[in-house]
Amino acid sequence: MATFADFMKLDIRVGEVIRVESFPQARKPAYKLWVDFGPEVGIKQSSAQITECYEKGDLVGRQVLGVVNFPPRQIADFSSEVLVLGVYAERGVVLIQPEQPVENGVGLG
């Protein structure tokens, strides 16, 4: 079982999607995302399996939550540097986002 101390090790921040590309090399349908997490973290890239619920044009400008302190993960020819958070719904993965706009880089806690 995870402890609260385990949770506190995660650096979860708000970022804004600034660029989206198709990712045909991924084994499962996915997009390549570039997310601006503010001046402290900067722009990071992520592979996200969210194609069932989102069109590319719907994502640019959207704020999302992401774990920014996991090690990068190589997916095909792309280095995924952050884990963008979502929940599994019947229709596919739905992104978690702030209820109201906030500054990029704001973290939990």
PDB file of N, CA and C in Angstrom:
ATOM      1  N   MET A   1       0.843  -1.175   0.000  1.00  0.00           N
ATOM      2  CA  MET A   1       0.000   0.000   0.000  1.00  0.00           C
ATOM      3  C   MET A   1       0.893   1.245   0.000  1.00  0.00           C
ATOM      4  N   ALA A   2       0.509   2.219  -0.782  1.00  0.00           N
ATOM      5  CA  ALA A   2       1.253   3.479  -0.838  1.00  0.00           C
ATOM      6  C   ALA A   2       0.964   4.302   0.412  1.00  0.00           C
ATOM      7  N   THR A   3       1.939   5.072   0.810  1.00  0.00           N
ATOM      8  CA  THR A   3       1.777   5.940   1.974  1.00  0.00           C
ATOM      9  C   THR A   3       1.681   7.395   1.512  1.00  0.00           C
ATOM     10  N   PHE A   4       1.292   8.260   2.431  1.00  0.00           N
ATOM     11  CA  PHE A   4       1.250   9.686   2.112  1.00  0.00           C
ATOM     12  C   PHE A   4       2.647  10.178   1.744  1.00  0.00           C
ATOM     13  N   ALA A   5       3.662   9.657   2.399  1.00  0.00           N
ATOM     14  CA  ALA A   5       5.044  10.035   2.073  1.00  0.00           C
ATOM     15  C   ALA A   5       5.374   9.669   0.619  1.00  0.00           C
ATOM     16  N   ASP A   6       4.876   8.519   0.142  1.00  0.00           N
ATOM     17  CA  ASP A   6       5.082   8.139  -1.256  1.00  0.00           C
ATOM     18  C   ASP A   6       4.434   9.167  -2.188  1.00  0.00           C
ATOM     19  N   PHE A   7       3.211   9.565  -1.877  1.00  0.00           N
ATOM     20  CA  PHE A   7       2.498  10.550  -2.689  1.00  0.00           C
ATOM     21  C   PHE A   7       3.254  11.871  -2.739  1.00  0.00           C
ATOM     22  N   MET A   8       3.811  12.279  -1.623  1.00  0.00           N
ATOM     23  CA  MET A   8       4.514  13.558  -1.548  1.00  0.00           C
ATOM     24  C   MET A   8       5.792  13.578  -2.384  1.00  0.00           C
ATOM     25  N   LYS A   9       6.292  12.427  -2.791  1.00  0.00           N
ATOM     26  CA  LYS A   9       7.474  12.367  -3.656  1.00  0.00           C
ATOM     27  C   LYS A   9       7.156  12.779  -5.090  1.00  0.00           C
ATOM     28  N   LEU A  10       5.860  12.725  -5.455  1.00  0.00           N
ATOM     29  CA  LEU A  10       5.463  13.084  -6.810  1.00  0.00           C
ATOM     30  C   LEU A  10       5.405  14.595  -6.967  1.00  0.00           C
ATOM     31  N   ASP A  11       5.971  15.089  -8.044  1.00  0.00           N
ATOM     32  CA  ASP A  11       5.894  16.514  -8.370  1.00  0.00           C
ATOM     33  C   ASP A  11       4.847  16.666  -9.465  1.00  0.00           C
ATOM     34  N   ILE A  12       3.616  16.998  -9.053  1.00  0.00           N
ATOM     35  CA  ILE A  12       2.496  17.123  -9.974  1.00  0.00           C
ATOM     36  C   ILE A  12       2.221  18.601 -10.185  1.00  0.00           C
ATOM     37  N   ARG A  13       2.254  19.020 -11.447  1.00  0.00           N
ATOM     38  CA  ARG A  13       2.095  20.440 -11.772  1.00  0.00           C
ATOM     39  C   ARG A  13       1.110  20.638 -12.919  1.00  0.00           C
ATOM     40  N   VAL A  14       0.656  21.873 -13.032  1.00  0.00           N
ATOM     41  CA  VAL A  14      -0.226  22.275 -14.117  1.00  0.00           C
ATOM     42  C   VAL A  14       0.627  22.784 -15.276  1.00  0.00           C
ATOM     43  N   GLY A  15       0.268  22.351 -16.471  1.00  0.00           N
ATOM     44  CA  GLY A  15       0.935  22.839 -17.667  1.00  0.00           C
ATOM     45  C   GLY A  15      -0.080  23.060 -18.773  1.00  0.00           C
ATOM     46  N   GLU A  16       0.323  23.820 -19.782  1.00  0.00           N
ATOM     47  CA  GLU A  16      -0.541  24.110 -20.922  1.00  0.00           C
ATOM     48  C   GLU A  16       0.003  23.424 -22.169  1.00  0.00           C
ATOM     49  N   VAL A  17      -0.852  22.684 -22.838  1.00  0.00           N
ATOM     50  CA  VAL A  17      -0.462  22.027 -24.090  1.00  0.00           C
ATOM     51  C   VAL A  17      -0.228  23.109 -25.138  1.00  0.00           C
ATOM     52  N   ILE A  18       0.992  23.129 -25.699  1.00  0.00           N
ATOM     53  CA  ILE A  18       1.326  24.160 -26.684  1.00  0.00           C
ATOM     54  C   ILE A  18       1.520  23.596 -28.092  1.00  0.00           C
ATOM     55  N   ARG A  19       1.653  22.273 -28.196  1.00  0.00           N
ATOM     56  CA  ARG A  19       1.859  21.645 -29.506  1.00  0.00           C
ATOM     57  C   ARG A  19       1.397  20.193 -29.425  1.00  0.00           C
ATOM     58  N   VAL A  20       0.806  19.712 -30.515  1.00  0.00           N
ATOM     59  CA  VAL A  20       0.326  18.325 -30.591  1.00  0.00           C
ATOM     60  C   VAL A  20       0.653  17.777 -31.972  1.00  0.00           C
ATOM     61  N   GLU A  21       1.140  16.541 -32.008  1.00  0.00           N
ATOM     62  CA  GLU A  21       1.392  15.856 -33.280  1.00  0.00           C
ATOM     63  C   GLU A  21       0.855  14.434 -33.186  1.00  0.00           C
ATOM     64  N   SER A  22       0.494  13.886 -34.316  1.00  0.00           N
ATOM     65  CA  SER A  22       0.145  12.472 -34.382  1.00  0.00           C
ATOM     66  C   SER A  22       1.386  11.655 -34.054  1.00  0.00           C
ATOM     67  N   PHE A  23       1.185  10.417 -33.594  1.00  0.00           N
ATOM     68  CA  PHE A  23       2.305   9.556 -33.215  1.00  0.00           C
ATOM     69  C   PHE A  23       2.086   8.159 -33.817  1.00  0.00           C
ATOM     70  N   PRO A  24       2.221   8.046 -35.140  1.00  0.00           N
ATOM     71  CA  PRO A  24       1.941   6.765 -35.788  1.00  0.00           C
ATOM     72  C   PRO A  24       2.907   5.641 -35.402  1.00  0.00           C
ATOM     73  N   GLN A  25       4.086   5.963 -34.881  1.00  0.00           N
ATOM     74  CA  GLN A  25       5.060   4.942 -34.494  1.00  0.00           C
ATOM     75  C   GLN A  25       4.713   4.257 -33.171  1.00  0.00           C
ATOM     76  N   ALA A  26       3.816   4.828 -32.386  1.00  0.00           N
ATOM     77  CA  ALA A  26       3.426   4.237 -31.101  1.00  0.00           C
ATOM     78  C   ALA A  26       2.650   2.946 -31.339  1.00  0.00           C
ATOM     79  N   ARG A  27       2.818   1.963 -30.447  1.00  0.00           N
ATOM     80  CA  ARG A  27       2.104   0.688 -30.572  1.00  0.00           C
ATOM     81  C   ARG A  27       0.594   0.863 -30.439  1.00  0.00           C
ATOM     82  N   LYS A  28       0.175   1.723 -29.501  1.00  0.00           N
ATOM     83  CA  LYS A  28      -1.237   2.040 -29.323  1.00  0.00           C
ATOM     84  C   LYS A  28      -1.448   3.476 -29.786  1.00  0.00           C
ATOM     85  N   PRO A  29      -2.635   3.800 -30.317  1.00  0.00           N
ATOM     86  CA  PRO A  29      -2.865   5.167 -30.800  1.00  0.00           C
ATOM     87  C   PRO A  29      -2.547   6.216 -29.738  1.00  0.00           C
ATOM     88  N   ALA A  30      -1.754   7.212 -30.121  1.00  0.00           N
ATOM     89  CA  ALA A  30      -1.305   8.235 -29.166  1.00  0.00           C
ATOM     90  C   ALA A  30      -0.990   9.525 -29.907  1.00  0.00           C
ATOM     91  N   TYR A  31      -0.856  10.575 -29.126  1.00  0.00           N
ATOM     92  CA  TYR A  31      -0.373  11.861 -29.618  1.00  0.00           C
ATOM     93  C   TYR A  31       0.960  12.169 -28.942  1.00  0.00           C
ATOM     94  N   LYS A  32       1.773  12.956 -29.614  1.00  0.00           N
ATOM     95  CA  LYS A  32       2.937  13.587 -29.002  1.00  0.00           C
ATOM     96  C   LYS A  32       2.466  14.957 -28.516  1.00  0.00           C
ATOM     97  N   LEU A  33       2.685  15.232 -27.246  1.00  0.00           N
ATOM     98  CA  LEU A  33       2.306  16.523 -26.667  1.00  0.00           C
ATOM     99  C   LEU A  33       3.549  17.268 -26.210  1.00  0.00           C
ATOM    100  N   TRP A  34       3.529  18.587 -26.368  1.00  0.00           N
ATOM    101  CA  TRP A  34       4.520  19.465 -25.766  1.00  0.00           C
ATOM    102  C   TRP A  34       3.744  20.346 -24.795  1.00  0.00           C
ATOM    103  N   VAL A  35       4.182  20.314 -23.525  1.00  0.00           N
ATOM    104  CA  VAL A  35       3.437  20.976 -22.458  1.00  0.00           C
ATOM    105  C   VAL A  35       4.344  21.977 -21.755  1.00  0.00           C
ATOM    106  N   ASP A  36       3.857  23.209 -21.601  1.00  0.00           N
ATOM    107  CA  ASP A  36       4.600  24.272 -20.911  1.00  0.00           C
ATOM    108  C   ASP A  36       4.242  24.238 -19.434  1.00  0.00           C
ATOM    109  N   PHE A  37       5.198  23.832 -18.611  1.00  0.00           N
ATOM    110  CA  PHE A  37       5.015  23.749 -17.165  1.00  0.00           C
ATOM    111  C   PHE A  37       5.594  24.959 -16.437  1.00  0.00           C
ATOM    112  N   GLY A  38       5.729  26.084 -17.109  1.00  0.00           N
ATOM    113  CA  GLY A  38       6.191  27.307 -16.471  1.00  0.00           C
ATOM    114  C   GLY A  38       7.696  27.410 -16.433  1.00  0.00           C
ATOM    115  N   PRO A  39       8.202  28.549 -15.896  1.00  0.00           N
ATOM    116  CA  PRO A  39       9.641  28.835 -15.971  1.00  0.00           C
ATOM    117  C   PRO A  39      10.530  27.871 -15.185  1.00  0.00           C
ATOM    118  N   GLU A  40      10.046  27.308 -14.106  1.00  0.00           N
ATOM    119  CA  GLU A  40      10.898  26.420 -13.301  1.00  0.00           C
ATOM    120  C   GLU A  40      11.156  25.081 -13.985  1.00  0.00           C
ATOM    121  N   VAL A  41      10.138  24.511 -14.618  1.00  0.00           N
ATOM    122  CA  VAL A  41      10.245  23.190 -15.254  1.00  0.00           C
ATOM    123  C   VAL A  41      10.456  23.306 -16.752  1.00  0.00           C
ATOM    124  N   GLY A  42       9.792  24.267 -17.390  1.00  0.00           N
ATOM    125  CA  GLY A  42       9.944  24.479 -18.822  1.00  0.00           C
ATOM    126  C   GLY A  42       8.983  23.642 -19.649  1.00  0.00           C
ATOM    127  N   ILE A  43       9.306  23.518 -20.918  1.00  0.00           N
ATOM    128  CA  ILE A  43       8.481  22.764 -21.853  1.00  0.00           C
ATOM    129  C   ILE A  43       8.971  21.322 -21.869  1.00  0.00           C
ATOM    130  N   LYS A  44       8.042  20.407 -21.645  1.00  0.00           N
ATOM    131  CA  LYS A  44       8.348  18.971 -21.626  1.00  0.00           C
ATOM    132  C   LYS A  44       7.450  18.266 -22.627  1.00  0.00           C
ATOM    133  N   GLN A  45       7.915  17.123 -23.115  1.00  0.00           N
ATOM    134  CA  GLN A  45       7.128  16.367 -24.075  1.00  0.00           C
ATOM    135  C   GLN A  45       6.595  15.092 -23.433  1.00  0.00           C
ATOM    136  N   SER A  46       5.446  14.646 -23.964  1.00  0.00           N
ATOM    137  CA  SER A  46       4.788  13.470 -23.417  1.00  0.00           C
ATOM    138  C   SER A  46       4.072  12.719 -24.523  1.00  0.00           C
ATOM    139  N   SER A  47       4.069  11.397 -24.425  1.00  0.00           N
ATOM    140  CA  SER A  47       3.236  10.566 -25.282  1.00  0.00           C
ATOM    141  C   SER A  47       1.958  10.291 -24.509  1.00  0.00           C
ATOM    142  N   ALA A  48       0.806  10.539 -25.148  1.00  0.00           N
ATOM    143  CA  ALA A  48      -0.468  10.388 -24.443  1.00  0.00           C
ATOM    144  C   ALA A  48      -1.450   9.593 -25.291  1.00  0.00           C
ATOM    145  N   GLN A  49      -1.980   8.520 -24.717  1.00  0.00           N
ATOM    146  CA  GLN A  49      -2.963   7.678 -25.393  1.00  0.00           C
ATOM    147  C   GLN A  49      -4.363   8.238 -25.145  1.00  0.00           C
ATOM    148  N   ILE A  50      -4.642   9.356 -25.785  1.00  0.00           N
ATOM    149  CA  ILE A  50      -5.902  10.078 -25.553  1.00  0.00           C
ATOM    150  C   ILE A  50      -6.656  10.324 -26.858  1.00  0.00           C
ATOM    151  N   THR A  51      -6.323   9.569 -27.896  1.00  0.00           N
ATOM    152  CA  THR A  51      -6.904   9.815 -29.216  1.00  0.00           C
ATOM    153  C   THR A  51      -8.389   9.489 -29.299  1.00  0.00           C
ATOM    154  N   GLU A  52      -8.897   8.644 -28.406  1.00  0.00           N
ATOM    155  CA  GLU A  52     -10.317   8.280 -28.461  1.00  0.00           C
ATOM    156  C   GLU A  52     -11.221   9.422 -28.001  1.00  0.00           C
ATOM    157  N   CYS A  53     -10.717  10.287 -27.135  1.00  0.00           N
ATOM    158  CA  CYS A  53     -11.552  11.349 -26.565  1.00  0.00           C
ATOM    159  C   CYS A  53     -11.214  12.747 -27.077  1.00  0.00           C
ATOM    160  N   TYR A  54     -10.066  12.904 -27.744  1.00  0.00           N
ATOM    161  CA  TYR A  54      -9.616  14.241 -28.130  1.00  0.00           C
ATOM    162  C   TYR A  54      -9.095  14.267 -29.558  1.00  0.00           C
ATOM    163  N   GLU A  55      -9.428  15.332 -30.255  1.00  0.00           N
ATOM    164  CA  GLU A  55      -8.815  15.644 -31.538  1.00  0.00           C
ATOM    165  C   GLU A  55      -7.612  16.541 -31.250  1.00  0.00           C
ATOM    166  N   LYS A  56      -6.617  16.527 -32.124  1.00  0.00           N
ATOM    167  CA  LYS A  56      -5.418  17.341 -31.896  1.00  0.00           C
ATOM    168  C   LYS A  56      -5.767  18.807 -31.661  1.00  0.00           C
ATOM    169  N   GLY A  57      -6.668  19.350 -32.453  1.00  0.00           N
ATOM    170  CA  GLY A  57      -7.034  20.763 -32.336  1.00  0.00           C
ATOM    171  C   GLY A  57      -7.715  21.121 -31.027  1.00  0.00           C
ATOM    172  N   ASP A  58      -8.285  20.132 -30.347  1.00  0.00           N
ATOM    173  CA  ASP A  58      -8.948  20.381 -29.063  1.00  0.00           C
ATOM    174  C   ASP A  58      -7.955  20.517 -27.913  1.00  0.00           C
ATOM    175  N   LEU A  59      -6.708  20.138 -28.132  1.00  0.00           N
ATOM    176  CA  LEU A  59      -5.754  20.047 -27.035  1.00  0.00           C
ATOM    177  C   LEU A  59      -4.894  21.295 -26.852  1.00  0.00           C
ATOM    178  N   VAL A  60      -4.545  21.978 -27.928  1.00  0.00           N
ATOM    179  CA  VAL A  60      -3.688  23.157 -27.813  1.00  0.00           C
ATOM    180  C   VAL A  60      -4.410  24.224 -26.989  1.00  0.00           C
ATOM    181  N   GLY A  61      -3.715  24.727 -25.963  1.00  0.00           N
ATOM    182  CA  GLY A  61      -4.285  25.727 -25.071  1.00  0.00           C
ATOM    183  C   GLY A  61      -4.937  25.133 -23.835  1.00  0.00           C
ATOM    184  N   ARG A  62      -5.107  23.824 -23.784  1.00  0.00           N
ATOM    185  CA  ARG A  62      -5.747  23.158 -22.650  1.00  0.00           C
ATOM    186  C   ARG A  62      -4.735  22.969 -21.516  1.00  0.00           C
ATOM    187  N   GLN A  63      -5.153  23.271 -20.301  1.00  0.00           N
ATOM    188  CA  GLN A  63      -4.303  22.996 -19.148  1.00  0.00           C
ATOM    189  C   GLN A  63      -4.522  21.559 -18.686  1.00  0.00           C
ATOM    190  N   VAL A  64      -3.431  20.920 -18.286  1.00  0.00           N
ATOM    191  CA  VAL A  64      -3.458  19.534 -17.836  1.00  0.00           C
ATOM    192  C   VAL A  64      -2.612  19.410 -16.575  1.00  0.00           C
ATOM    193  N   LEU A  65      -2.768  18.290 -15.883  1.00  0.00           N
ATOM    194  CA  LEU A  65      -1.899  17.961 -14.761  1.00  0.00           C
ATOM    195  C   LEU A  65      -0.890  16.924 -15.234  1.00  0.00           C
ATOM    196  N   GLY A  66       0.350  17.052 -14.772  1.00  0.00           N
ATOM    197  CA  GLY A  66       1.371  16.091 -15.158  1.00  0.00           C
ATOM    198  C   GLY A  66       2.364  15.841 -14.042  1.00  0.00           C
ATOM    199  N   VAL A  67       2.874  14.622 -13.975  1.00  0.00           N
ATOM    200  CA  VAL A  67       3.955  14.272 -13.049  1.00  0.00           C
ATOM    201  C   VAL A  67       5.250  14.615 -13.772  1.00  0.00           C
ATOM    202  N   VAL A  68       5.996  15.574 -13.220  1.00  0.00           N
ATOM    203  CA  VAL A  68       7.182  16.084 -13.921  1.00  0.00           C
ATOM    204  C   VAL A  68       8.493  15.513 -13.403  1.00  0.00           C
ATOM    205  N   ASN A  69       8.442  14.639 -12.383  1.00  0.00           N
ATOM    206  CA  ASN A  69       9.702  14.120 -11.847  1.00  0.00           C
ATOM    207  C   ASN A  69       9.870  12.609 -12.017  1.00  0.00           C
ATOM    208  N   PHE A  70       9.164  12.005 -12.980  1.00  0.00           N
ATOM    209  CA  PHE A  70       9.466  10.635 -13.368  1.00  0.00           C
ATOM    210  C   PHE A  70      10.624  10.667 -14.359  1.00  0.00           C
ATOM    211  N   PRO A  71      11.422   9.587 -14.436  1.00  0.00           N
ATOM    212  CA  PRO A  71      12.472   9.563 -15.454  1.00  0.00           C
ATOM    213  C   PRO A  71      11.853   9.483 -16.853  1.00  0.00           C
ATOM    214  N   PRO A  72      12.538  10.010 -17.869  1.00  0.00           N
ATOM    215  CA  PRO A  72      12.019   9.917 -19.236  1.00  0.00           C
ATOM    216  C   PRO A  72      11.821   8.453 -19.647  1.00  0.00           C
ATOM    217  N   ARG A  73      10.840   8.243 -20.518  1.00  0.00           N
ATOM    218  CA  ARG A  73      10.545   6.895 -21.011  1.00  0.00           C
ATOM    219  C   ARG A  73      10.576   6.932 -22.535  1.00  0.00           C
ATOM    220  N   GLN A  74      11.365   6.063 -23.129  1.00  0.00           N
ATOM    221  CA  GLN A  74      11.471   6.003 -24.587  1.00  0.00           C
ATOM    222  C   GLN A  74      10.286   5.235 -25.151  1.00  0.00           C
ATOM    223  N   ILE A  75       9.528   5.885 -26.025  1.00  0.00           N
ATOM    224  CA  ILE A  75       8.399   5.255 -26.699  1.00  0.00           C
ATOM    225  C   ILE A  75       8.639   5.420 -28.188  1.00  0.00           C
ATOM    226  N   ALA A  76       8.956   4.303 -28.838  1.00  0.00           N
ATOM    227  CA  ALA A  76       9.371   4.309 -30.249  1.00  0.00           C
ATOM    228  C   ALA A  76      10.541   5.290 -30.387  1.00  0.00           C
ATOM    229  N   ASP A  77      10.420   6.303 -31.248  1.00  0.00           N
ATOM    230  CA  ASP A  77      11.518   7.247 -31.467  1.00  0.00           C
ATOM    231  C   ASP A  77      11.344   8.535 -30.668  1.00  0.00           C
ATOM    232  N   PHE A  78      10.550   8.500 -29.602  1.00  0.00           N
ATOM    233  CA  PHE A  78      10.158   9.707 -28.862  1.00  0.00           C
ATOM    234  C   PHE A  78      10.447   9.517 -27.380  1.00  0.00           C
ATOM    235  N   SER A  79      11.044  10.526 -26.762  1.00  0.00           N
ATOM    236  CA  SER A  79      11.312  10.490 -25.325  1.00  0.00           C
ATOM    237  C   SER A  79      10.170  11.196 -24.593  1.00  0.00           C
ATOM    238  N   SER A  80       9.395  10.428 -23.835  1.00  0.00           N
ATOM    239  CA  SER A  80       8.283  10.985 -23.064  1.00  0.00           C
ATOM    240  C   SER A  80       8.831  11.398 -21.704  1.00  0.00           C
ATOM    241  N   GLU A  81       8.831  12.706 -21.430  1.00  0.00           N
ATOM    242  CA  GLU A  81       9.500  13.249 -20.241  1.00  0.00           C
ATOM    243  C   GLU A  81       8.581  13.439 -19.043  1.00  0.00           C
ATOM    244  N   VAL A  82       7.275  13.493 -19.271  1.00  0.00           N
ATOM    245  CA  VAL A  82       6.318  13.677 -18.178  1.00  0.00           C
ATOM    246  C   VAL A  82       5.141  12.739 -18.386  1.00  0.00           C
ATOM    247  N   LEU A  83       4.432  12.445 -17.308  1.00  0.00           N
ATOM    248  CA  LEU A  83       3.217  11.654 -17.377  1.00  0.00           C
ATOM    249  C   LEU A  83       2.034  12.594 -17.224  1.00  0.00           C
ATOM    250  N   VAL A  84       1.301  12.791 -18.313  1.00  0.00           N
ATOM    251  CA  VAL A  84       0.090  13.598 -18.271  1.00  0.00           C
ATOM    252  C   VAL A  84      -1.000  12.736 -17.640  1.00  0.00           C
ATOM    253  N   LEU A  85      -1.717  13.295 -16.671  1.00  0.00           N
ATOM    254  CA  LEU A  85      -2.668  12.505 -15.896  1.00  0.00           C
ATOM    255  C   LEU A  85      -4.064  12.508 -16.502  1.00  0.00           C
ATOM    256  N   GLY A  86      -4.695  11.352 -16.449  1.00  0.00           N
ATOM    257  CA  GLY A  86      -6.059  11.190 -16.921  1.00  0.00           C
ATOM    258  C   GLY A  86      -6.714  10.041 -16.180  1.00  0.00           C
ATOM    259  N   VAL A  87      -7.983   9.867 -16.444  1.00  0.00           N
ATOM    260  CA  VAL A  87      -8.733   8.755 -15.855  1.00  0.00           C
ATOM    261  C   VAL A  87      -9.295   7.906 -16.984  1.00  0.00           C
ATOM    262  N   TYR A  88      -9.426   6.610 -16.710  1.00  0.00           N
ATOM    263  CA  TYR A  88      -9.976   5.698 -17.703  1.00  0.00           C
ATOM    264  C   TYR A  88     -11.493   5.729 -17.622  1.00  0.00           C
ATOM    265  N   ALA A  89     -12.114   6.202 -18.693  1.00  0.00           N
ATOM    266  CA  ALA A  89     -13.564   6.216 -18.806  1.00  0.00           C
ATOM    267  C   ALA A  89     -13.966   5.171 -19.851  1.00  0.00           C
ATOM    268  N   GLU A  90     -15.236   4.902 -19.954  1.00  0.00           N
ATOM    269  CA  GLU A  90     -15.712   3.904 -20.910  1.00  0.00           C
ATOM    270  C   GLU A  90     -15.285   4.230 -22.337  1.00  0.00           C
ATOM    271  N   ARG A  91     -15.269   5.501 -22.674  1.00  0.00           N
ATOM    272  CA  ARG A  91     -14.947   5.902 -24.047  1.00  0.00           C
ATOM    273  C   ARG A  91     -13.453   6.093 -24.285  1.00  0.00           C
ATOM    274  N   GLY A  92     -12.630   6.093 -23.233  1.00  0.00           N
ATOM    275  CA  GLY A  92     -11.193   6.277 -23.375  1.00  0.00           C
ATOM    276  C   GLY A  92     -10.647   7.124 -22.242  1.00  0.00           C
ATOM    277  N   VAL A  93      -9.394   7.525 -22.360  1.00  0.00           N
ATOM    278  CA  VAL A  93      -8.741   8.303 -21.308  1.00  0.00           C
ATOM    279  C   VAL A  93      -9.206   9.763 -21.380  1.00  0.00           C
ATOM    280  N   VAL A  94      -9.660  10.274 -20.229  1.00  0.00           N
ATOM    281  CA  VAL A  94     -10.098  11.658 -20.096  1.00  0.00           C
ATOM    282  C   VAL A  94      -9.061  12.388 -19.248  1.00  0.00           C
ATOM    283  N   LEU A  95      -8.551  13.496 -19.751  1.00  0.00           N
ATOM    284  CA  LEU A  95      -7.519  14.261 -19.055  1.00  0.00           C
ATOM    285  C   LEU A  95      -8.041  14.904 -17.773  1.00  0.00           C
ATOM    286  N   ILE A  96      -7.157  15.003 -16.788  1.00  0.00           N
ATOM    287  CA  ILE A  96      -7.447  15.732 -15.554  1.00  0.00           C
ATOM    288  C   ILE A  96      -6.929  17.153 -15.748  1.00  0.00           C
ATOM    289  N   GLN A  97      -7.766  18.127 -15.426  1.00  0.00           N
ATOM    290  CA  GLN A  97      -7.356  19.521 -15.598  1.00  0.00           C
ATOM    291  C   GLN A  97      -7.927  20.357 -14.466  1.00  0.00           C
ATOM    292  N   PRO A  98      -7.330  21.542 -14.207  1.00  0.00           N
ATOM    293  CA  PRO A  98      -7.871  22.415 -13.170  1.00  0.00           C
ATOM    294  C   PRO A  98      -9.270  22.906 -13.565  1.00  0.00           C
ATOM    295  N   GLU A  99     -10.095  23.123 -12.574  1.00  0.00           N
ATOM    296  CA  GLU A  99     -11.451  23.628 -12.813  1.00  0.00           C
ATOM    297  C   GLU A  99     -11.431  25.059 -13.340  1.00  0.00           C
ATOM    298  N   GLN A 100     -10.421  25.828 -12.924  1.00  0.00           N
ATOM    299  CA  GLN A 100     -10.252  27.203 -13.386  1.00  0.00           C
ATOM    300  C   GLN A 100      -8.824  27.388 -13.873  1.00  0.00           C
ATOM    301  N   PRO A 101      -8.590  28.337 -14.794  1.00  0.00           N
ATOM    302  CA  PRO A 101      -7.222  28.574 -15.263  1.00  0.00           C
ATOM    303  C   PRO A 101      -6.311  29.016 -14.116  1.00  0.00           C
ATOM    304  N   VAL A 102      -5.102  28.489 -14.113  1.00  0.00           N
ATOM    305  CA  VAL A 102      -4.080  28.856 -13.136  1.00  0.00           C
ATOM    306  C   VAL A 102      -2.759  29.063 -13.877  1.00  0.00           C
ATOM    307  N   GLU A 103      -1.765  29.579 -13.170  1.00  0.00           N
ATOM    308  CA  GLU A 103      -0.446  29.770 -13.785  1.00  0.00           C
ATOM    309  C   GLU A 103       0.185  28.431 -14.097  1.00  0.00           C
ATOM    310  N   ASN A 104       0.831  28.345 -15.262  1.00  0.00           N
ATOM    311  CA  ASN A 104       1.587  27.142 -15.594  1.00  0.00           C
ATOM    312  C   ASN A 104       2.688  26.942 -14.564  1.00  0.00           C
ATOM    313  N   GLY A 105       2.852  25.698 -14.136  1.00  0.00           N
ATOM    314  CA  GLY A 105       3.890  25.360 -13.169  1.00  0.00           C
ATOM    315  C   GLY A 105       3.396  25.238 -11.748  1.00  0.00           C
ATOM    316  N   VAL A 106       2.158  25.668 -11.482  1.00  0.00           N
ATOM    317  CA  VAL A 106       1.610  25.549 -10.129  1.00  0.00           C
ATOM    318  C   VAL A 106       1.534  24.070  -9.787  1.00  0.00           C
ATOM    319  N   GLY A 107       1.942  23.722  -8.553  1.00  0.00           N
ATOM    320  CA  GLY A 107       1.947  22.339  -8.127  1.00  0.00           C
ATOM    321  C   GLY A 107       0.957  22.059  -7.020  1.00  0.00           C
ATOM    322  N   LEU A 108       0.787  20.791  -6.728  1.00  0.00           N
ATOM    323  CA  LEU A 108      -0.092  20.385  -5.629  1.00  0.00           C
ATOM    324  C   LEU A 108       0.568  20.738  -4.303  1.00  0.00           C
ATOM    325  N   GLY A 109      -0.252  20.951  -3.341  1.00  0.00           N
ATOM    326  CA  GLY A 109       0.282  21.132  -1.997  1.00  0.00           C
ATOM    327  C   GLY A 109       0.199  22.519  -1.550  1.00  0.00           C
TER     328      GLY A 109
END
